[in-house]
């Protein structure tokens, strides 16, 4: 039996981590991005622009067993989001159609921004999507494009991704960042390796004939108040001075559950912010 092939459209940080894990599992991996020189070794480069409707010249002509759509917006406004997540996905689906390629499954990387809950509620895949901002609304629109594509699709709603190179909170804590303790401002996060690991797990499960749901939330085991995370980081970093003024970066407050993914057998490598940030600060990831 030949190795299953996967095309990762938008093979950036998380996509590259996914590619590395899939290569180790025996997949043949194509990575689509503008600069293919930045792809991990072993990934077959597809130089292309998701924002351009012209099919890349190096588009693979053979079978594509799986498609992972993992784009990132370059312009952070409504038009930029629509170009990246709705129109870009439509372009890729058109290219597949042009070559008569019918993947077994599409994984669409979405965001927990589709949930607008504000009062610390627990949220799962069945919770109401009440996106307040354009980012969540456009993501919901893109999810429908994926689900209506004619390809069996699973949406992976990732929460706040952190990891090497994604260290905004660490920088803020070092600068004396302070947040309100009460009411708690709950945040959700997932290490970049675990975001990739969840998608690799889902693809492997599909290969084995496991019936997948159409939506999964990608989050660690321990949603936590932002003030708790900041206090832990201060202690770890030995930060002893901080601002008297509270700085709040967002207003949403919810607790996302990973129960559906864990029921399938997925286990995050970094179950909470403690293990994840310790690994970053110790240079272990």
Protein backbone atom coordinates (compact mmCIF):
# COMPACT_ATOMS: atom_id res chain seq x y z
CA UNK A 1 0.00 0.00 0.00
CA UNK A 2 1.44 3.37 -1.00
CA UNK A 3 1.98 6.10 1.57
CA UNK A 4 -1.01 8.43 1.96
CA UNK A 5 -0.41 11.87 0.49
CA UNK A 6 -1.37 15.14 2.15
CA UNK A 7 -1.28 18.68 0.81
CA UNK A 8 -0.89 21.38 3.46
CA UNK A 9 -2.15 24.62 1.95
CA UNK A 10 -0.60 27.43 3.94
CA UNK A 11 2.38 25.53 5.30
CA UNK A 12 3.65 28.08 7.81
CA UNK A 13 4.64 27.50 11.44
CA UNK A 14 1.92 25.07 12.53
CA UNK A 15 1.71 23.58 9.03
CA UNK A 16 5.44 22.88 9.03
CA UNK A 17 5.22 21.26 12.45
CA UNK A 18 2.39 19.13 11.13
CA UNK A 19 4.41 18.25 8.03
CA UNK A 20 7.34 17.07 10.18
CA UNK A 21 5.06 14.85 12.26
CA UNK A 22 3.36 13.42 9.19
CA UNK A 23 6.67 12.65 7.48
CA UNK A 24 7.73 10.72 10.58
CA UNK A 25 4.44 8.78 10.36
CA UNK A 26 5.10 7.79 6.75
CA UNK A 27 2.96 10.28 4.84
CA UNK A 28 4.00 11.89 1.58
CA UNK A 29 3.69 15.61 2.27
CA UNK A 30 3.22 18.54 -0.10
CA UNK A 31 3.57 22.02 1.35
CA UNK A 32 2.06 25.04 -0.40
CA UNK A 33 3.48 28.44 0.46
CA UNK A 34 5.05 31.38 -1.34
CA UNK A 35 8.62 30.62 -0.19
CA UNK A 36 9.12 26.86 -0.39
CA UNK A 37 12.76 27.19 0.72
CA UNK A 38 11.42 27.51 4.27
CA UNK A 39 9.67 24.14 4.24
CA UNK A 40 11.05 21.32 6.40
CA UNK A 41 13.33 18.78 4.75
CA UNK A 42 11.37 16.04 3.04
CA UNK A 43 8.34 18.18 2.20
CA UNK A 44 7.59 18.51 -1.53
CA UNK A 45 7.31 22.23 -2.20
CA UNK A 46 4.37 23.76 -4.07
CA UNK A 47 5.23 27.41 -4.68
CA UNK A 48 1.94 29.26 -4.73
CA UNK A 49 -0.16 32.10 -3.42
CA UNK A 50 -3.53 31.27 -1.88
CA UNK A 51 -4.67 34.83 -2.62
CA UNK A 52 -4.18 34.32 -6.36
CA UNK A 53 -6.77 32.30 -8.28
CA UNK A 54 -4.13 31.02 -10.72
CA UNK A 55 -3.18 27.43 -9.97
CA UNK A 56 0.49 27.02 -8.91
CA UNK A 57 2.71 25.71 -11.71
CA UNK A 58 4.05 22.98 -9.42
CA UNK A 59 0.64 21.72 -8.30
CA UNK A 60 0.85 17.91 -7.83
CA UNK A 61 -0.84 15.99 -10.63
CA UNK A 62 -1.34 12.70 -8.81
CA UNK A 63 -3.78 11.70 -6.12
CA UNK A 64 -4.07 13.85 -3.01
CA UNK A 65 -5.49 11.76 -0.18
CA UNK A 66 -5.82 14.57 2.36
CA UNK A 67 -6.02 18.35 2.28
CA UNK A 68 -5.17 20.53 5.27
CA UNK A 69 -6.09 24.17 4.83
CA UNK A 70 -3.99 26.19 7.29
CA UNK A 71 -3.86 29.74 5.96
CA UNK A 72 -2.88 32.90 7.80
CA UNK A 73 -4.25 36.34 7.07
CA UNK A 74 -1.66 38.91 5.99
CA UNK A 75 -4.04 41.85 6.40
CA UNK A 76 -5.90 41.90 9.70
CA UNK A 77 -9.16 43.42 8.56
CA UNK A 78 -12.36 41.88 7.25
CA UNK A 79 -11.21 41.92 3.63
CA UNK A 80 -7.88 40.35 4.60
CA UNK A 81 -9.58 37.59 6.54
CA UNK A 82 -12.02 36.86 3.74
CA UNK A 83 -9.17 36.70 1.22
CA UNK A 84 -7.21 34.25 3.39
CA UNK A 85 -9.92 31.97 4.69
CA UNK A 86 -12.86 32.10 2.29
CA UNK A 87 -11.43 33.01 -1.10
CA UNK A 88 -8.17 31.14 -0.55
CA UNK A 89 -10.03 27.95 0.30
CA UNK A 90 -12.25 28.44 -2.75
CA UNK A 91 -9.12 28.75 -4.90
CA UNK A 92 -7.68 25.48 -3.57
CA UNK A 93 -10.97 23.65 -4.04
CA UNK A 94 -11.02 24.92 -7.63
CA UNK A 95 -7.49 23.66 -8.26
CA UNK A 96 -8.43 20.23 -6.92
CA UNK A 97 -11.40 20.19 -9.25
CA UNK A 98 -9.23 21.22 -12.20
CA UNK A 99 -7.07 18.13 -11.67
CA UNK A 100 -9.93 15.79 -10.81
CA UNK A 101 -8.54 15.24 -7.32
CA UNK A 102 -10.91 14.08 -4.59
CA UNK A 103 -9.27 13.94 -1.15
CA UNK A 104 -10.57 11.52 1.46
CA UNK A 105 -10.89 14.37 3.95
CA UNK A 106 -10.34 18.07 4.36
CA UNK A 107 -9.10 19.51 7.65
CA UNK A 108 -9.88 23.21 7.85
CA UNK A 109 -7.95 25.14 10.51
CA UNK A 110 -10.38 27.55 12.13
CA UNK A 111 -10.38 29.50 15.38
CA UNK A 112 -12.16 29.66 18.71
CA UNK A 113 -12.98 33.26 17.75
CA UNK A 114 -16.24 31.82 16.38
CA UNK A 115 -17.36 31.69 20.02
CA UNK A 116 -18.22 35.04 21.57
CA UNK A 117 -19.03 33.92 25.10
CA UNK A 118 -17.81 36.49 27.64
CA UNK A 119 -18.59 35.25 31.14
CA UNK A 120 -16.27 32.31 31.69
CA UNK A 121 -18.71 29.74 30.28
CA UNK A 122 -17.51 26.30 29.28
CA UNK A 123 -17.63 25.94 25.50
CA UNK A 124 -17.58 22.79 23.41
CA UNK A 125 -18.25 21.89 19.78
CA UNK A 126 -22.02 22.02 20.34
CA UNK A 127 -22.00 25.47 21.91
CA UNK A 128 -23.63 28.35 20.13
CA UNK A 129 -21.35 30.28 17.82
CA UNK A 130 -21.97 33.92 18.63
CA UNK A 131 -18.96 35.60 17.05
CA UNK A 132 -18.90 39.27 17.91
CA UNK A 133 -16.07 40.41 15.63
CA UNK A 134 -15.41 40.12 11.91
CA UNK A 135 -12.71 37.49 12.43
CA UNK A 136 -15.14 35.01 13.94
CA UNK A 137 -17.87 35.81 11.42
CA UNK A 138 -15.54 35.29 8.46
CA UNK A 139 -14.24 32.05 10.00
CA UNK A 140 -17.80 30.75 10.27
CA UNK A 141 -18.32 31.64 6.61
CA UNK A 142 -15.13 29.79 5.66
CA UNK A 143 -16.12 26.78 7.74
CA UNK A 144 -19.30 26.52 5.69
CA UNK A 145 -17.28 26.60 2.48
CA UNK A 146 -15.29 23.63 3.81
CA UNK A 147 -18.33 21.71 5.04
CA UNK A 148 -20.17 22.29 1.75
CA UNK A 149 -17.16 21.44 -0.44
CA UNK A 150 -18.28 17.93 -1.28
CA UNK A 151 -15.20 16.58 0.52
CA UNK A 152 -15.72 14.99 3.96
CA UNK A 153 -14.51 17.80 6.21
CA UNK A 154 -13.50 18.32 9.82
CA UNK A 155 -13.13 21.81 11.26
CA UNK A 156 -10.34 22.24 13.83
CA UNK A 157 -11.02 25.32 15.95
CA UNK A 158 -7.67 26.19 17.49
CA UNK A 159 -7.42 28.39 20.55
CA UNK A 160 -4.56 30.77 21.39
CA UNK A 161 -1.48 29.20 19.80
CA UNK A 162 1.83 29.77 21.58
CA UNK A 163 5.30 28.35 21.16
CA UNK A 164 8.78 29.36 20.00
CA UNK A 165 8.40 32.58 18.04
CA UNK A 166 4.93 33.15 19.51
CA UNK A 167 6.03 34.69 22.80
CA UNK A 168 3.93 37.85 23.04
CA UNK A 169 2.78 37.11 26.59
CA UNK A 170 6.30 36.38 27.80
CA UNK A 171 7.43 39.74 26.44
CA UNK A 172 4.53 41.53 28.11
CA UNK A 173 5.19 39.88 31.49
CA UNK A 174 8.85 40.89 31.32
CA UNK A 175 7.69 44.48 30.70
CA UNK A 176 5.50 44.48 33.80
CA UNK A 177 2.16 43.43 32.30
CA UNK A 178 -0.68 43.40 34.83
CA UNK A 179 -4.24 42.12 34.41
CA UNK A 180 -7.38 42.23 36.50
CA UNK A 181 -7.81 39.36 38.94
CA UNK A 182 -11.55 39.74 39.46
CA UNK A 183 -13.62 38.94 37.54
CA UNK A 184 -11.33 36.28 36.06
CA UNK A 185 -10.51 36.70 32.38
CA UNK A 186 -10.35 33.10 31.17
CA UNK A 187 -8.08 32.31 28.27
CA UNK A 188 -7.51 29.19 26.19
CA UNK A 189 -4.28 28.09 24.60
CA UNK A 190 -2.56 25.29 22.79
CA UNK A 191 1.14 24.78 22.15
CA UNK A 192 2.01 24.92 18.44
CA UNK A 193 3.34 21.34 18.60
CA UNK A 194 0.02 20.16 20.05
CA UNK A 195 -1.97 22.08 17.44
CA UNK A 196 -0.03 20.17 14.80
CA UNK A 197 -0.24 16.97 16.82
CA UNK A 198 -4.03 17.10 16.99
CA UNK A 199 -4.28 17.40 13.22
CA UNK A 200 -1.78 14.59 12.69
CA UNK A 201 -3.82 12.47 15.10
CA UNK A 202 -7.04 13.17 13.20
CA UNK A 203 -5.48 12.32 9.84
CA UNK A 204 -4.06 9.09 11.23
CA UNK A 205 -7.44 8.20 12.73
CA UNK A 206 -9.13 8.80 9.38
CA UNK A 207 -6.55 6.58 7.66
CA UNK A 208 -7.48 3.83 10.11
CA UNK A 209 -11.17 4.15 9.31
CA UNK A 210 -12.21 5.99 12.47
CA UNK A 211 -15.35 8.05 11.92
CA UNK A 212 -14.52 11.68 12.61
CA UNK A 213 -16.83 14.46 13.74
CA UNK A 214 -17.17 17.60 11.68
CA UNK A 215 -15.81 19.93 14.40
CA UNK A 216 -13.03 19.65 16.99
CA UNK A 217 -11.70 22.24 19.42
CA UNK A 218 -7.91 22.34 19.72
CA UNK A 219 -7.08 23.37 23.28
CA UNK A 220 -5.02 22.06 26.17
CA UNK A 221 -6.45 20.50 29.33
CA UNK A 222 -6.44 23.62 31.48
CA UNK A 223 -8.11 26.88 30.46
CA UNK A 224 -7.00 29.37 33.09
CA UNK A 225 -7.55 32.96 34.20
CA UNK A 226 -5.03 35.23 32.51
CA UNK A 227 -4.00 36.65 35.89
CA UNK A 228 -3.03 33.14 37.04
CA UNK A 229 -0.88 32.58 33.96
CA UNK A 230 0.79 35.98 34.36
CA UNK A 231 1.49 35.34 38.06
CA UNK A 232 3.06 31.95 37.26
CA UNK A 233 5.24 33.46 34.53
CA UNK A 234 6.34 36.29 36.83
CA UNK A 235 7.47 33.74 39.38
CA UNK A 236 9.21 31.60 36.77
CA UNK A 237 10.94 34.61 35.19
CA UNK A 238 11.68 36.24 38.56
CA UNK A 239 9.86 39.41 37.58
CA UNK A 240 9.42 41.44 40.76
CA UNK A 241 8.08 44.75 39.44
CA UNK A 242 4.98 45.41 37.38
CA UNK A 243 2.69 48.20 36.37
CA UNK A 244 0.10 49.63 38.73
CA UNK A 245 -2.27 50.00 35.80
CA UNK A 246 -4.22 47.02 34.55
CA UNK A 247 -3.65 46.08 30.92
CA UNK A 248 -6.28 43.87 29.30
CA UNK A 249 -5.64 42.69 25.75
CA UNK A 250 -9.17 41.37 25.04
CA UNK A 251 -12.64 41.20 26.52
CA UNK A 252 -13.73 37.63 25.78
CA UNK A 253 -13.74 35.13 28.63
CA UNK A 254 -14.61 31.49 28.04
CA UNK A 255 -13.28 28.03 28.82
CA UNK A 256 -12.94 25.71 25.84
CA UNK A 257 -13.18 21.95 26.30
CA UNK A 258 -11.06 19.35 24.50
CA UNK A 259 -13.27 16.46 25.65
CA UNK A 260 -14.27 15.44 22.10
CA UNK A 261 -10.67 15.14 20.88
CA UNK A 262 -9.59 13.34 24.06
CA UNK A 263 -12.48 10.89 23.77
CA UNK A 264 -10.99 9.92 20.41
CA UNK A 265 -7.68 9.20 22.13
CA UNK A 266 -5.72 12.42 21.60
CA UNK A 267 -3.48 13.52 24.46
CA UNK A 268 -1.69 16.90 24.40
CA UNK A 269 2.06 16.84 24.97
CA UNK A 270 1.73 20.06 26.97
CA UNK A 271 -1.44 19.68 29.08
CA UNK A 272 -1.27 23.20 30.51
CA UNK A 273 0.53 26.52 30.14
CA UNK A 274 2.99 25.42 32.83
CA UNK A 275 4.51 22.57 30.83
CA UNK A 276 4.33 24.52 27.58
CA UNK A 277 5.96 27.73 28.75
CA UNK A 278 8.56 25.83 30.77
CA UNK A 279 9.55 23.95 27.62
CA UNK A 280 9.88 27.21 25.68
CA UNK A 281 11.93 28.91 28.39
CA UNK A 282 14.19 25.88 28.75
CA UNK A 283 14.69 25.64 24.99
CA UNK A 284 13.13 22.18 24.78
CA UNK A 285 10.70 22.83 21.95
